[in-house]
Amino acid sequence: MVYVQRDERRRILRVEQEPFDSMSQSMPADDPEVQAWLASHALNNRLVALQQSDLEMIRVLEDVVSALVSRGVIRYTDLPEAARRKLSQRAETRAELEGLGSLLGGDEPPLR
């Protein structure tokens, strides 16, 4: 048995193994509607994890490009114009955020 919260249109919003305050009903764990919600929820969690990984990977690629340029392996001008523009915009935004962080008096690194 699982415990379910539904919205006003009777769509499942939440499924838990234990009862909770805002639950609407209990249902068999093998109910097709519960199984479909669980599958959708699992897919959504994987997509969110992939998106977070993409954001982290962007920073890694920026650092790799920077290292290659600083070591003379490639020239910044070897990159396509669109890539140079995006890298420059991100570098400027990071610099602005770091400046704002010091204005707030925090010793913590800026959010990324």
PDB file of N, CA and C in Angstrom:
ATOM      1  N   MET A   1       0.825  -1.176   0.000  1.00  0.00           N
ATOM      2  CA  MET A   1       0.000   0.000   0.000  1.00  0.00           C
ATOM      3  C   MET A   1       0.879   1.253   0.000  1.00  0.00           C
ATOM      4  N   VAL A   2       0.475   2.263  -0.767  1.00  0.00           N
ATOM      5  CA  VAL A   2       1.141   3.558  -0.772  1.00  0.00           C
ATOM      6  C   VAL A   2       0.111   4.633  -0.467  1.00  0.00           C
ATOM      7  N   TYR A   3       0.607   5.798  -0.117  1.00  0.00           N
ATOM      8  CA  TYR A   3      -0.256   6.905   0.266  1.00  0.00           C
ATOM      9  C   TYR A   3      -0.084   8.020  -0.747  1.00  0.00           C
ATOM     10  N   VAL A   4      -1.214   8.569  -1.201  1.00  0.00           N
ATOM     11  CA  VAL A   4      -1.242   9.444  -2.374  1.00  0.00           C
ATOM     12  C   VAL A   4      -1.887  10.780  -2.026  1.00  0.00           C
ATOM     13  N   GLN A   5      -1.340  11.833  -2.599  1.00  0.00           N
ATOM     14  CA  GLN A   5      -1.969  13.147  -2.547  1.00  0.00           C
ATOM     15  C   GLN A   5      -2.398  13.492  -3.962  1.00  0.00           C
ATOM     16  N   ARG A   6      -3.637  13.936  -4.096  1.00  0.00           N
ATOM     17  CA  ARG A   6      -4.165  14.326  -5.407  1.00  0.00           C
ATOM     18  C   ARG A   6      -4.480  15.814  -5.422  1.00  0.00           C
ATOM     19  N   ASP A   7      -4.495  16.390  -6.633  1.00  0.00           N
ATOM     20  CA  ASP A   7      -4.901  17.789  -6.766  1.00  0.00           C
ATOM     21  C   ASP A   7      -6.409  17.855  -7.007  1.00  0.00           C
ATOM     22  N   GLU A   8      -6.906  19.058  -7.244  1.00  0.00           N
ATOM     23  CA  GLU A   8      -8.353  19.248  -7.429  1.00  0.00           C
ATOM     24  C   GLU A   8      -8.884  18.556  -8.682  1.00  0.00           C
ATOM     25  N   ARG A   9      -8.007  18.241  -9.616  1.00  0.00           N
ATOM     26  CA  ARG A   9      -8.436  17.531 -10.832  1.00  0.00           C
ATOM     27  C   ARG A   9      -8.195  16.035 -10.722  1.00  0.00           C
ATOM     28  N   ARG A  10      -7.876  15.584  -9.506  1.00  0.00           N
ATOM     29  CA  ARG A  10      -7.680  14.166  -9.186  1.00  0.00           C
ATOM     30  C   ARG A  10      -6.381  13.596  -9.758  1.00  0.00           C
ATOM     31  N   ARG A  11      -5.444  14.448 -10.139  1.00  0.00           N
ATOM     32  CA  ARG A  11      -4.139  13.981 -10.604  1.00  0.00           C
ATOM     33  C   ARG A  11      -3.252  13.716  -9.389  1.00  0.00           C
ATOM     34  N   ILE A  12      -2.432  12.698  -9.491  1.00  0.00           N
ATOM     35  CA  ILE A  12      -1.523  12.378  -8.392  1.00  0.00           C
ATOM     36  C   ILE A  12      -0.412  13.419  -8.326  1.00  0.00           C
ATOM     37  N   LEU A  13      -0.205  13.972  -7.130  1.00  0.00           N
ATOM     38  CA  LEU A  13       0.861  14.945  -6.896  1.00  0.00           C
ATOM     39  C   LEU A  13       2.032  14.342  -6.144  1.00  0.00           C
ATOM     40  N   ARG A  14       1.724  13.376  -5.276  1.00  0.00           N
ATOM     41  CA  ARG A  14       2.759  12.848  -4.388  1.00  0.00           C
ATOM     42  C   ARG A  14       2.396  11.421  -4.008  1.00  0.00           C
ATOM     43  N   VAL A  15       3.423  10.577  -3.909  1.00  0.00           N
ATOM     44  CA  VAL A  15       3.254   9.190  -3.478  1.00  0.00           C
ATOM     45  C   VAL A  15       4.316   8.904  -2.432  1.00  0.00           C
ATOM     46  N   GLU A  16       3.899   8.345  -1.299  1.00  0.00           N
ATOM     47  CA  GLU A  16       4.823   8.019  -0.213  1.00  0.00           C
ATOM     48  C   GLU A  16       4.528   6.628   0.321  1.00  0.00           C
ATOM     49  N   GLN A  17       5.524   6.041   0.953  1.00  0.00           N
ATOM     50  CA  GLN A  17       5.382   4.720   1.564  1.00  0.00           C
ATOM     51  C   GLN A  17       4.663   4.792   2.909  1.00  0.00           C
ATOM     52  N   GLU A  18       4.742   5.947   3.560  1.00  0.00           N
ATOM     53  CA  GLU A  18       4.142   6.150   4.876  1.00  0.00           C
ATOM     54  C   GLU A  18       3.048   7.206   4.785  1.00  0.00           C
ATOM     55  N   PRO A  19       2.038   7.151   5.645  1.00  0.00           N
ATOM     56  CA  PRO A  19       0.997   8.199   5.647  1.00  0.00           C
ATOM     57  C   PRO A  19       1.611   9.574   5.915  1.00  0.00           C
ATOM     58  N   PHE A  20       1.006  10.614   5.343  1.00  0.00           N
ATOM     59  CA  PHE A  20       1.462  11.989   5.554  1.00  0.00           C
ATOM     60  C   PHE A  20       0.243  12.895   5.651  1.00  0.00           C
ATOM     61  N   ASP A  21       0.419  14.086   6.199  1.00  0.00           N
ATOM     62  CA  ASP A  21      -0.700  14.978   6.529  1.00  0.00           C
ATOM     63  C   ASP A  21      -1.607  15.313   5.351  1.00  0.00           C
ATOM     64  N   SER A  22      -1.043  15.622   4.206  1.00  0.00           N
ATOM     65  CA  SER A  22      -1.860  16.080   3.084  1.00  0.00           C
ATOM     66  C   SER A  22      -2.279  14.964   2.125  1.00  0.00           C
ATOM     67  N   MET A  23      -2.139  13.717   2.558  1.00  0.00           N
ATOM     68  CA  MET A  23      -2.520  12.600   1.677  1.00  0.00           C
ATOM     69  C   MET A  23      -4.027  12.591   1.445  1.00  0.00           C
ATOM     70  N   SER A  24      -4.417  12.118   0.272  1.00  0.00           N
ATOM     71  CA  SER A  24      -5.824  12.037  -0.094  1.00  0.00           C
ATOM     72  C   SER A  24      -6.386  10.637   0.078  1.00  0.00           C
ATOM     73  N   GLN A  25      -5.533   9.632  -0.139  1.00  0.00           N
ATOM     74  CA  GLN A  25      -6.007   8.260  -0.089  1.00  0.00           C
ATOM     75  C   GLN A  25      -4.829   7.300  -0.044  1.00  0.00           C
ATOM     76  N   SER A  26      -5.133   6.040   0.196  1.00  0.00           N
ATOM     77  CA  SER A  26      -4.137   4.979   0.059  1.00  0.00           C
ATOM     78  C   SER A  26      -4.520   4.156  -1.169  1.00  0.00           C
ATOM     79  N   MET A  27      -3.511   3.564  -1.786  1.00  0.00           N
ATOM     80  CA  MET A  27      -3.743   2.781  -3.004  1.00  0.00           C
ATOM     81  C   MET A  27      -2.763   1.616  -3.015  1.00  0.00           C
ATOM     82  N   PRO A  28      -3.094   0.566  -3.756  1.00  0.00           N
ATOM     83  CA  PRO A  28      -2.134  -0.527  -3.909  1.00  0.00           C
ATOM     84  C   PRO A  28      -0.897  -0.025  -4.667  1.00  0.00           C
ATOM     85  N   ALA A  29       0.254  -0.457  -4.254  1.00  0.00           N
ATOM     86  CA  ALA A  29       1.496  -0.021  -4.888  1.00  0.00           C
ATOM     87  C   ALA A  29       1.569  -0.435  -6.352  1.00  0.00           C
ATOM     88  N   ASP A  30       0.887  -1.511  -6.712  1.00  0.00           N
ATOM     89  CA  ASP A  30       0.935  -1.978  -8.102  1.00  0.00           C
ATOM     90  C   ASP A  30      -0.185  -1.402  -8.964  1.00  0.00           C
ATOM     91  N   ASP A  31      -0.938  -0.444  -8.449  1.00  0.00           N
ATOM     92  CA  ASP A  31      -1.984   0.212  -9.240  1.00  0.00           C
ATOM     93  C   ASP A  31      -1.338   0.866 -10.463  1.00  0.00           C
ATOM     94  N   PRO A  32      -1.917   0.694 -11.645  1.00  0.00           N
ATOM     95  CA  PRO A  32      -1.316   1.261 -12.867  1.00  0.00           C
ATOM     96  C   PRO A  32      -1.107   2.783 -12.795  1.00  0.00           C
ATOM     97  N   GLU A  33      -2.011   3.490 -12.153  1.00  0.00           N
ATOM     98  CA  GLU A  33      -1.876   4.942 -12.048  1.00  0.00           C
ATOM     99  C   GLU A  33      -0.675   5.307 -11.157  1.00  0.00           C
ATOM    100  N   VAL A  34      -0.508   4.562 -10.071  1.00  0.00           N
ATOM    101  CA  VAL A  34       0.638   4.777  -9.182  1.00  0.00           C
ATOM    102  C   VAL A  34       1.922   4.428  -9.917  1.00  0.00           C
ATOM    103  N   GLN A  35       1.935   3.327 -10.623  1.00  0.00           N
ATOM    104  CA  GLN A  35       3.128   2.916 -11.360  1.00  0.00           C
ATOM    105  C   GLN A  35       3.507   3.939 -12.432  1.00  0.00           C
ATOM    106  N   ALA A  36       2.502   4.489 -13.114  1.00  0.00           N
ATOM    107  CA  ALA A  36       2.770   5.509 -14.138  1.00  0.00           C
ATOM    108  C   ALA A  36       3.351   6.765 -13.498  1.00  0.00           C
ATOM    109  N   TRP A  37       2.813   7.175 -12.342  1.00  0.00           N
ATOM    110  CA  TRP A  37       3.339   8.358 -11.652  1.00  0.00           C
ATOM    111  C   TRP A  37       4.776   8.118 -11.212  1.00  0.00           C
ATOM    112  N   LEU A  38       5.045   6.942 -10.649  1.00  0.00           N
ATOM    113  CA  LEU A  38       6.399   6.629 -10.191  1.00  0.00           C
ATOM    114  C   LEU A  38       7.394   6.637 -11.353  1.00  0.00           C
ATOM    115  N   ALA A  39       6.988   6.080 -12.488  1.00  0.00           N
ATOM    116  CA  ALA A  39       7.865   6.065 -13.665  1.00  0.00           C
ATOM    117  C   ALA A  39       8.130   7.484 -14.152  1.00  0.00           C
ATOM    118  N   SER A  40       7.093   8.310 -14.180  1.00  0.00           N
ATOM    119  CA  SER A  40       7.237   9.693 -14.613  1.00  0.00           C
ATOM    120  C   SER A  40       8.121  10.467 -13.642  1.00  0.00           C
ATOM    121  N   HIS A  41       7.917  10.238 -12.365  1.00  0.00           N
ATOM    122  CA  HIS A  41       8.707  10.917 -11.330  1.00  0.00           C
ATOM    123  C   HIS A  41      10.188  10.508 -11.433  1.00  0.00           C
ATOM    124  N   ALA A  42      10.449   9.239 -11.651  1.00  0.00           N
ATOM    125  CA  ALA A  42      11.826   8.751 -11.801  1.00  0.00           C
ATOM    126  C   ALA A  42      12.479   9.385 -13.030  1.00  0.00           C
ATOM    127  N   LEU A  43      11.737   9.456 -14.132  1.00  0.00           N
ATOM    128  CA  LEU A  43      12.263  10.080 -15.348  1.00  0.00           C
ATOM    129  C   LEU A  43      12.581  11.549 -15.094  1.00  0.00           C
ATOM    130  N   ASN A  44      11.681  12.245 -14.424  1.00  0.00           N
ATOM    131  CA  ASN A  44      11.911  13.656 -14.120  1.00  0.00           C
ATOM    132  C   ASN A  44      13.156  13.830 -13.260  1.00  0.00           C
ATOM    133  N   ASN A  45      13.339  12.976 -12.257  1.00  0.00           N
ATOM    134  CA  ASN A  45      14.532  13.056 -11.407  1.00  0.00           C
ATOM    135  C   ASN A  45      15.805  12.851 -12.218  1.00  0.00           C
ATOM    136  N   ARG A  46      15.774  11.933 -13.163  1.00  0.00           N
ATOM    137  CA  ARG A  46      16.953  11.693 -14.011  1.00  0.00           C
ATOM    138  C   ARG A  46      17.232  12.892 -14.910  1.00  0.00           C
ATOM    139  N   LEU A  47      16.164  13.501 -15.435  1.00  0.00           N
ATOM    140  CA  LEU A  47      16.348  14.678 -16.284  1.00  0.00           C
ATOM    141  C   LEU A  47      16.919  15.845 -15.493  1.00  0.00           C
ATOM    142  N   VAL A  48      16.464  16.045 -14.269  1.00  0.00           N
ATOM    143  CA  VAL A  48      16.996  17.109 -13.421  1.00  0.00           C
ATOM    144  C   VAL A  48      18.472  16.846 -13.121  1.00  0.00           C
ATOM    145  N   ALA A  49      18.816  15.594 -12.815  1.00  0.00           N
ATOM    146  CA  ALA A  49      20.212  15.244 -12.546  1.00  0.00           C
ATOM    147  C   ALA A  49      21.080  15.493 -13.785  1.00  0.00           C
ATOM    148  N   LEU A  50      20.569  15.152 -14.948  1.00  0.00           N
ATOM    149  CA  LEU A  50      21.309  15.385 -16.191  1.00  0.00           C
ATOM    150  C   LEU A  50      21.494  16.879 -16.439  1.00  0.00           C
ATOM    151  N   GLN A  51      20.465  17.658 -16.178  1.00  0.00           N
ATOM    152  CA  GLN A  51      20.564  19.102 -16.353  1.00  0.00           C
ATOM    153  C   GLN A  51      21.616  19.688 -15.408  1.00  0.00           C
ATOM    154  N   GLN A  52      21.632  19.242 -14.163  1.00  0.00           N
ATOM    155  CA  GLN A  52      22.639  19.717 -13.213  1.00  0.00           C
ATOM    156  C   GLN A  52      24.041  19.327 -13.684  1.00  0.00           C
ATOM    157  N   SER A  53      24.166  18.114 -14.187  1.00  0.00           N
ATOM    158  CA  SER A  53      25.451  17.652 -14.706  1.00  0.00           C
ATOM    159  C   SER A  53      25.882  18.509 -15.895  1.00  0.00           C
ATOM    160  N   ASP A  54      24.934  18.878 -16.748  1.00  0.00           N
ATOM    161  CA  ASP A  54      25.254  19.744 -17.887  1.00  0.00           C
ATOM    162  C   ASP A  54      25.814  21.081 -17.414  1.00  0.00           C
ATOM    163  N   LEU A  55      25.197  21.654 -16.381  1.00  0.00           N
ATOM    164  CA  LEU A  55      25.677  22.937 -15.861  1.00  0.00           C
ATOM    165  C   LEU A  55      27.093  22.811 -15.320  1.00  0.00           C
ATOM    166  N   GLU A  56      27.359  21.727 -14.625  1.00  0.00           N
ATOM    167  CA  GLU A  56      28.710  21.500 -14.095  1.00  0.00           C
ATOM    168  C   GLU A  56      29.697  21.273 -15.233  1.00  0.00           C
ATOM    169  N   MET A  57      29.265  20.568 -16.260  1.00  0.00           N
ATOM    170  CA  MET A  57      30.140  20.272 -17.387  1.00  0.00           C
ATOM    171  C   MET A  57      30.504  21.535 -18.159  1.00  0.00           C
ATOM    172  N   ILE A  58      29.582  22.477 -18.224  1.00  0.00           N
ATOM    173  CA  ILE A  58      29.870  23.744 -18.903  1.00  0.00           C
ATOM    174  C   ILE A  58      31.068  24.420 -18.259  1.00  0.00           C
ATOM    175  N   ARG A  59      31.078  24.445 -16.931  1.00  0.00           N
ATOM    176  CA  ARG A  59      32.199  25.075 -16.225  1.00  0.00           C
ATOM    177  C   ARG A  59      33.501  24.317 -16.485  1.00  0.00           C
ATOM    178  N   VAL A  60      33.424  22.999 -16.528  1.00  0.00           N
ATOM    179  CA  VAL A  60      34.612  22.195 -16.824  1.00  0.00           C
ATOM    180  C   VAL A  60      35.153  22.555 -18.209  1.00  0.00           C
ATOM    181  N   LEU A  61      34.272  22.649 -19.185  1.00  0.00           N
ATOM    182  CA  LEU A  61      34.701  22.986 -20.543  1.00  0.00           C
ATOM    183  C   LEU A  61      35.303  24.386 -20.618  1.00  0.00           C
ATOM    184  N   GLU A  62      34.718  25.332 -19.871  1.00  0.00           N
ATOM    185  CA  GLU A  62      35.301  26.673 -19.823  1.00  0.00           C
ATOM    186  C   GLU A  62      36.732  26.610 -19.281  1.00  0.00           C
ATOM    187  N   ASP A  63      36.927  25.838 -18.225  1.00  0.00           N
ATOM    188  CA  ASP A  63      38.259  25.712 -17.628  1.00  0.00           C
ATOM    189  C   ASP A  63      39.233  25.020 -18.583  1.00  0.00           C
ATOM    190  N   VAL A  64      38.765  24.021 -19.315  1.00  0.00           N
ATOM    191  CA  VAL A  64      39.625  23.327 -20.287  1.00  0.00           C
ATOM    192  C   VAL A  64      40.046  24.296 -21.392  1.00  0.00           C
ATOM    193  N   VAL A  65      39.092  25.057 -21.923  1.00  0.00           N
ATOM    194  CA  VAL A  65      39.423  26.031 -22.968  1.00  0.00           C
ATOM    195  C   VAL A  65      40.437  27.040 -22.432  1.00  0.00           C
ATOM    196  N   SER A  66      40.214  27.519 -21.235  1.00  0.00           N
ATOM    197  CA  SER A  66      41.130  28.488 -20.628  1.00  0.00           C
ATOM    198  C   SER A  66      42.533  27.904 -20.479  1.00  0.00           C
ATOM    199  N   ALA A  67      42.620  26.664 -20.021  1.00  0.00           N
ATOM    200  CA  ALA A  67      43.923  26.010 -19.860  1.00  0.00           C
ATOM    201  C   ALA A  67      44.612  25.829 -21.208  1.00  0.00           C
ATOM    202  N   LEU A  68      43.863  25.414 -22.219  1.00  0.00           N
ATOM    203  CA  LEU A  68      44.451  25.221 -23.553  1.00  0.00           C
ATOM    204  C   LEU A  68      44.961  26.533 -24.131  1.00  0.00           C
ATOM    205  N   VAL A  69      44.200  27.607 -23.929  1.00  0.00           N
ATOM    206  CA  VAL A  69      44.614  28.917 -24.433  1.00  0.00           C
ATOM    207  C   VAL A  69      45.836  29.409 -23.673  1.00  0.00           C
ATOM    208  N   SER A  70      45.819  29.285 -22.341  1.00  0.00           N
ATOM    209  CA  SER A  70      46.937  29.803 -21.543  1.00  0.00           C
ATOM    210  C   SER A  70      48.226  29.033 -21.806  1.00  0.00           C
ATOM    211  N   ARG A  71      48.135  27.774 -22.199  1.00  0.00           N
ATOM    212  CA  ARG A  71      49.336  26.975 -22.510  1.00  0.00           C
ATOM    213  C   ARG A  71      49.753  27.077 -23.975  1.00  0.00           C
ATOM    214  N   GLY A  72      48.978  27.811 -24.744  1.00  0.00           N
ATOM    215  CA  GLY A  72      49.328  28.015 -26.139  1.00  0.00           C
ATOM    216  C   GLY A  72      48.983  26.851 -27.046  1.00  0.00           C
ATOM    217  N   VAL A  73      48.176  25.924 -26.563  1.00  0.00           N
ATOM    218  CA  VAL A  73      47.777  24.786 -27.394  1.00  0.00           C
ATOM    219  C   VAL A  73      46.827  25.243 -28.494  1.00  0.00           C
ATOM    220  N   ILE A  74      45.934  26.149 -28.138  1.00  0.00           N
ATOM    221  CA  ILE A  74      45.055  26.778 -29.129  1.00  0.00           C
ATOM    222  C   ILE A  74      45.066  28.276 -28.871  1.00  0.00           C
ATOM    223  N   ARG A  75      44.674  29.035 -29.873  1.00  0.00           N
ATOM    224  CA  ARG A  75      44.507  30.474 -29.698  1.00  0.00           C
ATOM    225  C   ARG A  75      43.029  30.746 -29.496  1.00  0.00           C
ATOM    226  N   TYR A  76      42.738  31.728 -28.684  1.00  0.00           N
ATOM    227  CA  TYR A  76      41.350  32.116 -28.431  1.00  0.00           C
ATOM    228  C   TYR A  76      40.643  32.410 -29.750  1.00  0.00           C
ATOM    229  N   THR A  77      41.376  33.012 -30.689  1.00  0.00           N
ATOM    230  CA  THR A  77      40.790  33.371 -31.983  1.00  0.00           C
ATOM    231  C   THR A  77      40.527  32.149 -32.862  1.00  0.00           C
ATOM    232  N   ASP A  78      41.064  30.972 -32.466  1.00  0.00           N
ATOM    233  CA  ASP A  78      40.773  29.745 -33.209  1.00  0.00           C
ATOM    234  C   ASP A  78      39.334  29.282 -32.970  1.00  0.00           C
ATOM    235  N   LEU A  79      38.757  29.722 -31.869  1.00  0.00           N
ATOM    236  CA  LEU A  79      37.389  29.322 -31.540  1.00  0.00           C
ATOM    237  C   LEU A  79      36.401  30.049 -32.442  1.00  0.00           C
ATOM    238  N   PRO A  80      35.274  29.417 -32.732  1.00  0.00           N
ATOM    239  CA  PRO A  80      34.244  30.112 -33.524  1.00  0.00           C
ATOM    240  C   PRO A  80      33.768  31.375 -32.794  1.00  0.00           C
ATOM    241  N   GLU A  81      33.351  32.352 -33.555  1.00  0.00           N
ATOM    242  CA  GLU A  81      32.898  33.631 -32.989  1.00  0.00           C
ATOM    243  C   GLU A  81      31.802  33.419 -31.934  1.00  0.00           C
ATOM    244  N   ALA A  82      30.847  32.551 -32.200  1.00  0.00           N
ATOM    245  CA  ALA A  82      29.762  32.320 -31.239  1.00  0.00           C
ATOM    246  C   ALA A  82      30.305  31.766 -29.921  1.00  0.00           C
ATOM    247  N   ALA A  83      31.278  30.882 -29.988  1.00  0.00           N
ATOM    248  CA  ALA A  83      31.875  30.317 -28.776  1.00  0.00           C
ATOM    249  C   ALA A  83      32.638  31.392 -28.007  1.00  0.00           C
ATOM    250  N   ARG A  84      33.390  32.223 -28.715  1.00  0.00           N
ATOM    251  CA  ARG A  84      34.124  33.309 -28.044  1.00  0.00           C
ATOM    252  C   ARG A  84      33.166  34.269 -27.352  1.00  0.00           C
ATOM    253  N   ARG A  85      32.089  34.585 -28.027  1.00  0.00           N
ATOM    254  CA  ARG A  85      31.096  35.511 -27.471  1.00  0.00           C
ATOM    255  C   ARG A  85      30.479  34.927 -26.193  1.00  0.00           C
ATOM    256  N   LYS A  86      30.099  33.651 -26.230  1.00  0.00           N
ATOM    257  CA  LYS A  86      29.499  33.015 -25.055  1.00  0.00           C
ATOM    258  C   LYS A  86      30.488  32.908 -23.900  1.00  0.00           C
ATOM    259  N   LEU A  87      31.722  32.533 -24.197  1.00  0.00           N
ATOM    260  CA  LEU A  87      32.735  32.446 -23.149  1.00  0.00           C
ATOM    261  C   LEU A  87      32.990  33.816 -22.526  1.00  0.00           C
ATOM    262  N   SER A  88      33.044  34.843 -23.346  1.00  0.00           N
ATOM    263  CA  SER A  88      33.270  36.191 -22.828  1.00  0.00           C
ATOM    264  C   SER A  88      32.104  36.651 -21.959  1.00  0.00           C
ATOM    265  N   GLN A  89      30.891  36.391 -22.410  1.00  0.00           N
ATOM    266  CA  GLN A  89      29.710  36.775 -21.615  1.00  0.00           C
ATOM    267  C   GLN A  89      29.708  36.081 -20.265  1.00  0.00           C
ATOM    268  N   ARG A  90      30.020  34.797 -20.250  1.00  0.00           N
ATOM    269  CA  ARG A  90      30.038  34.052 -18.984  1.00  0.00           C
ATOM    270  C   ARG A  90      31.148  34.556 -18.068  1.00  0.00           C
ATOM    271  N   ALA A  91      32.315  34.857 -18.634  1.00  0.00           N
ATOM    272  CA  ALA A  91      33.418  35.371 -17.822  1.00  0.00           C
ATOM    273  C   ALA A  91      33.043  36.726 -17.215  1.00  0.00           C
ATOM    274  N   GLU A  92      32.415  37.592 -17.998  1.00  0.00           N
ATOM    275  CA  GLU A  92      31.986  38.896 -17.487  1.00  0.00           C
ATOM    276  C   GLU A  92      30.945  38.733 -16.378  1.00  0.00           C
ATOM    277  N   THR A  93      29.990  37.850 -16.574  1.00  0.00           N
ATOM    278  CA  THR A  93      28.948  37.628 -15.565  1.00  0.00           C
ATOM    279  C   THR A  93      29.546  37.081 -14.281  1.00  0.00           C
ATOM    280  N   ARG A  94      30.474  36.129 -14.401  1.00  0.00           N
ATOM    281  CA  ARG A  94      31.134  35.592 -13.202  1.00  0.00           C
ATOM    282  C   ARG A  94      31.896  36.684 -12.462  1.00  0.00           C
ATOM    283  N   ALA A  95      32.592  37.537 -13.213  1.00  0.00           N
ATOM    284  CA  ALA A  95      33.357  38.631 -12.591  1.00  0.00           C
ATOM    285  C   ALA A  95      32.416  39.591 -11.866  1.00  0.00           C
ATOM    286  N   GLU A  96      31.268  39.895 -12.473  1.00  0.00           N
ATOM    287  CA  GLU A  96      30.284  40.769 -11.830  1.00  0.00           C
ATOM    288  C   GLU A  96      29.753  40.132 -10.550  1.00  0.00           C
ATOM    289  N   LEU A  97      29.464  38.844 -10.595  1.00  0.00           N
ATOM    290  CA  LEU A  97      28.959  38.151  -9.409  1.00  0.00           C
ATOM    291  C   LEU A  97      29.998  38.118  -8.298  1.00  0.00           C
ATOM    292  N   GLU A  98      31.243  37.913  -8.646  1.00  0.00           N
ATOM    293  CA  GLU A  98      32.301  37.914  -7.639  1.00  0.00           C
ATOM    294  C   GLU A  98      32.415  39.290  -7.000  1.00  0.00           C
ATOM    295  N   GLY A  99      32.256  40.340  -7.795  1.00  0.00           N
ATOM    296  CA  GLY A  99      32.284  41.697  -7.256  1.00  0.00           C
ATOM    297  C   GLY A  99      31.115  41.951  -6.317  1.00  0.00           C
ATOM    298  N   LEU A 100      29.950  41.450  -6.665  1.00  0.00           N
ATOM    299  CA  LEU A 100      28.786  41.609  -5.791  1.00  0.00           C
ATOM    300  C   LEU A 100      28.966  40.848  -4.494  1.00  0.00           C
ATOM    301  N   GLY A 101      29.604  39.690  -4.566  1.00  0.00           N
ATOM    302  CA  GLY A 101      29.843  38.898  -3.363  1.00  0.00           C
ATOM    303  C   GLY A 101      30.694  39.643  -2.362  1.00  0.00           C
ATOM    304  N   SER A 102      31.690  40.374  -2.838  1.00  0.00           N
ATOM    305  CA  SER A 102      32.543  41.125  -1.913  1.00  0.00           C
ATOM    306  C   SER A 102      31.784  42.307  -1.323  1.00  0.00           C
ATOM    307  N   LEU A 103      30.820  42.864  -2.047  1.00  0.00           N
ATOM    308  CA  LEU A 103      30.011  43.956  -1.517  1.00  0.00           C
ATOM    309  C   LEU A 103      29.134  43.484  -0.357  1.00  0.00           C
ATOM    310  N   LEU A 104      28.715  42.220  -0.419  1.00  0.00           N
ATOM    311  CA  LEU A 104      27.866  41.664   0.626  1.00  0.00           C
ATOM    312  C   LEU A 104      28.660  41.291   1.862  1.00  0.00           C
ATOM    313  N   GLY A 105      29.981  41.330   1.770  1.00  0.00           N
ATOM    314  CA  GLY A 105      30.816  41.061   2.916  1.00  0.00           C
ATOM    315  C   GLY A 105      30.995  39.581   3.224  1.00  0.00           C
ATOM    316  N   GLY A 106      30.564  38.714   2.343  1.00  0.00           N
ATOM    317  CA  GLY A 106      30.689  37.288   2.580  1.00  0.00           C
ATOM    318  C   GLY A 106      32.036  36.765   2.140  1.00  0.00           C
ATOM    319  N   ASP A 107      32.553  35.794   2.874  1.00  0.00           N
ATOM    320  CA  ASP A 107      33.794  35.151   2.486  1.00  0.00           C
ATOM    321  C   ASP A 107      33.557  33.939   1.622  1.00  0.00           C
ATOM    322  N   GLU A 108      32.278  33.621   1.412  1.00  0.00           N
ATOM    323  CA  GLU A 108      31.926  32.433   0.647  1.00  0.00           C
ATOM    324  C   GLU A 108      32.052  32.716  -0.835  1.00  0.00           C
ATOM    325  N   PRO A 109      32.393  31.695  -1.625  1.00  0.00           N
ATOM    326  CA  PRO A 109      32.476  31.891  -3.076  1.00  0.00           C
ATOM    327  C   PRO A 109      31.093  32.194  -3.649  1.00  0.00           C
ATOM    328  N   PRO A 110      31.014  32.861  -4.800  1.00  0.00           N
ATOM    329  CA  PRO A 110      29.717  33.150  -5.404  1.00  0.00           C
ATOM    330  C   PRO A 110      28.999  31.873  -5.811  1.00  0.00           C
ATOM    331  N   LEU A 111      27.692  31.973  -5.895  1.00  0.00           N
ATOM    332  CA  LEU A 111      26.889  30.842  -6.353  1.00  0.00           C
ATOM    333  C   LEU A 111      27.142  30.599  -7.821  1.00  0.00           C
ATOM    334  N   ARG A 112      27.146  29.325  -8.216  1.00  0.00           N
ATOM    335  CA  ARG A 112      27.358  29.004  -9.638  1.00  0.00           C
ATOM    336  C   ARG A 112      26.214  28.195 -10.125  1.00  0.00           C
TER     337      ARG A 112
END
